Protein backbone atom coordinates (compact mmCIF):
# COMPACT_ATOMS: atom_id res chain seq x y z
CA GLY A 1 -0.09 0.04 0.34
CA ASP A 2 3.07 2.25 -0.53
CA LEU A 3 1.86 5.80 -1.96
CA LEU A 4 3.95 6.90 -4.60
CA PRO A 5 4.93 10.62 -4.66
CA ALA A 6 6.50 11.22 -7.99
CA ASP A 7 5.81 10.22 -11.39
CA GLY A 8 8.27 7.96 -13.09
CA VAL A 9 9.55 5.10 -15.30
CA LEU A 10 9.84 1.45 -14.22
CA ILE A 11 13.34 0.60 -14.66
CA GLN A 12 13.18 -2.83 -12.40
CA GLY A 13 10.11 -4.48 -11.25
CA ASN A 14 8.72 -7.79 -9.50
CA ASP A 15 5.38 -8.90 -10.23
CA LEU A 16 4.44 -5.13 -9.43
CA LYS A 17 0.79 -4.51 -9.68
CA ILE A 18 -0.56 -0.82 -8.88
CA ASP A 19 -4.02 0.49 -7.72
CA GLU A 20 -4.24 3.47 -10.13
CA SER A 21 -7.95 4.17 -8.72
CA ALA A 22 -7.38 7.23 -7.37
CA LEU A 23 -6.55 8.89 -10.68
CA THR A 24 -8.45 6.64 -13.42
CA GLY A 25 -11.52 5.33 -11.09
CA GLU A 26 -10.56 1.70 -12.32
CA SER A 27 -10.88 -0.38 -9.69
CA ASP A 28 -8.47 -3.14 -10.92
CA HIS A 29 -5.00 -3.57 -10.23
CA VAL A 30 -2.86 -2.60 -13.27
CA ARG A 31 0.48 -4.89 -13.64
CA LYS A 32 3.47 -3.00 -14.47
CA SER A 33 6.31 -4.20 -16.44
CA LEU A 34 9.37 -2.90 -18.04
CA ASP A 35 8.23 -4.21 -21.83
CA LYS A 36 4.60 -3.08 -21.40
CA ASP A 37 2.90 -0.34 -19.33
CA PRO A 38 6.45 1.21 -17.43
CA MET A 39 4.81 4.20 -16.18
CA LEU A 40 4.40 5.05 -12.40
CA LEU A 41 1.99 8.11 -11.45
CA SER A 42 2.07 9.76 -8.08
CA GLY A 43 -1.14 9.71 -6.00
CA THR A 44 -1.44 5.79 -6.98
CA HIS A 45 -0.66 3.09 -4.50
CA VAL A 46 1.74 -0.29 -4.62
CA MET A 47 -0.62 -3.29 -3.92
CA GLU A 48 1.91 -6.33 -4.84
CA GLY A 49 5.48 -6.64 -6.00
CA SER A 50 8.46 -4.17 -5.58
CA GLY A 51 10.24 -2.13 -8.23
CA ARG A 52 12.63 1.23 -8.70
CA MET A 53 11.80 3.78 -11.12
CA VAL A 54 13.36 6.93 -12.41
CA VAL A 55 11.51 9.98 -11.39
CA THR A 56 10.42 12.00 -14.26
CA ALA A 57 7.93 14.76 -12.46
CA VAL A 58 7.14 15.96 -8.79
CA GLY A 59 4.68 18.15 -7.15
CA VAL A 60 2.79 20.45 -9.86
CA ASN A 61 4.40 18.56 -12.90
CA SER A 62 3.53 15.49 -11.76
CA GLN A 63 0.06 14.17 -13.20
CA SER A 64 -1.70 14.23 -10.13
CA GLY A 65 -0.31 17.66 -9.09
CA ILE A 66 -1.58 18.77 -13.05
CA ILE A 67 -5.13 17.40 -11.64
CA PHE A 68 -5.09 19.31 -8.38
CA THR A 69 -3.74 22.59 -10.01
CA LEU A 70 -6.77 22.39 -12.86
CA LEU A 71 -9.23 21.55 -9.96
CA GLY A 72 -7.86 24.72 -8.05
CA ALA A 73 -7.98 26.74 -11.24
CA GLY A 74 -11.66 25.90 -11.58
CA GLY A 75 -12.29 26.69 -8.24
CA ASP A 76 -10.88 30.10 -8.41
CA ASP A 77 -12.97 30.91 -11.76
CA GLU A 78 -16.04 30.00 -9.81
CA GLU A 79 -15.01 32.49 -6.79
CA GLU A 80 -14.44 35.44 -9.37
CA GLU A 81 -18.06 34.73 -10.89
CA ARG A 82 -19.99 34.88 -7.70
CA LYS A 83 -18.24 37.94 -6.69
CA ASP A 84 -18.90 39.52 -10.18
CA LYS A 85 -22.55 38.81 -9.80
CA LYS A 86 -22.97 40.06 -5.92
CA GLY A 87 -20.94 43.48 -7.20
C-alpha cells in the first residue's frame, strides 16, 4: 500500500501491481512491467510486488499535481464569477 510520491518510469520490477483508482477510477489493479506499461504515476498505490523507477516529475508537474492545479483553477474562476454577480 505504499503511495507513489512522484511520476516515473519503471526500470526494475518484480510482479508489480498498482492501484490507479485515485486517478482513473479503475478498480482493478494494473500490472506494470518494463516492456508493457512502465509508467508509474504519483498518487497511486503499490498493491503487490516491488520495483525501482526513474523519477520524471514531482509536485505540480506530476499527473496528480496537474489535476489538482486544474481543479484549483476551476474553483478560482467560480469564486470570481460569484463576486462579479454580487457586485
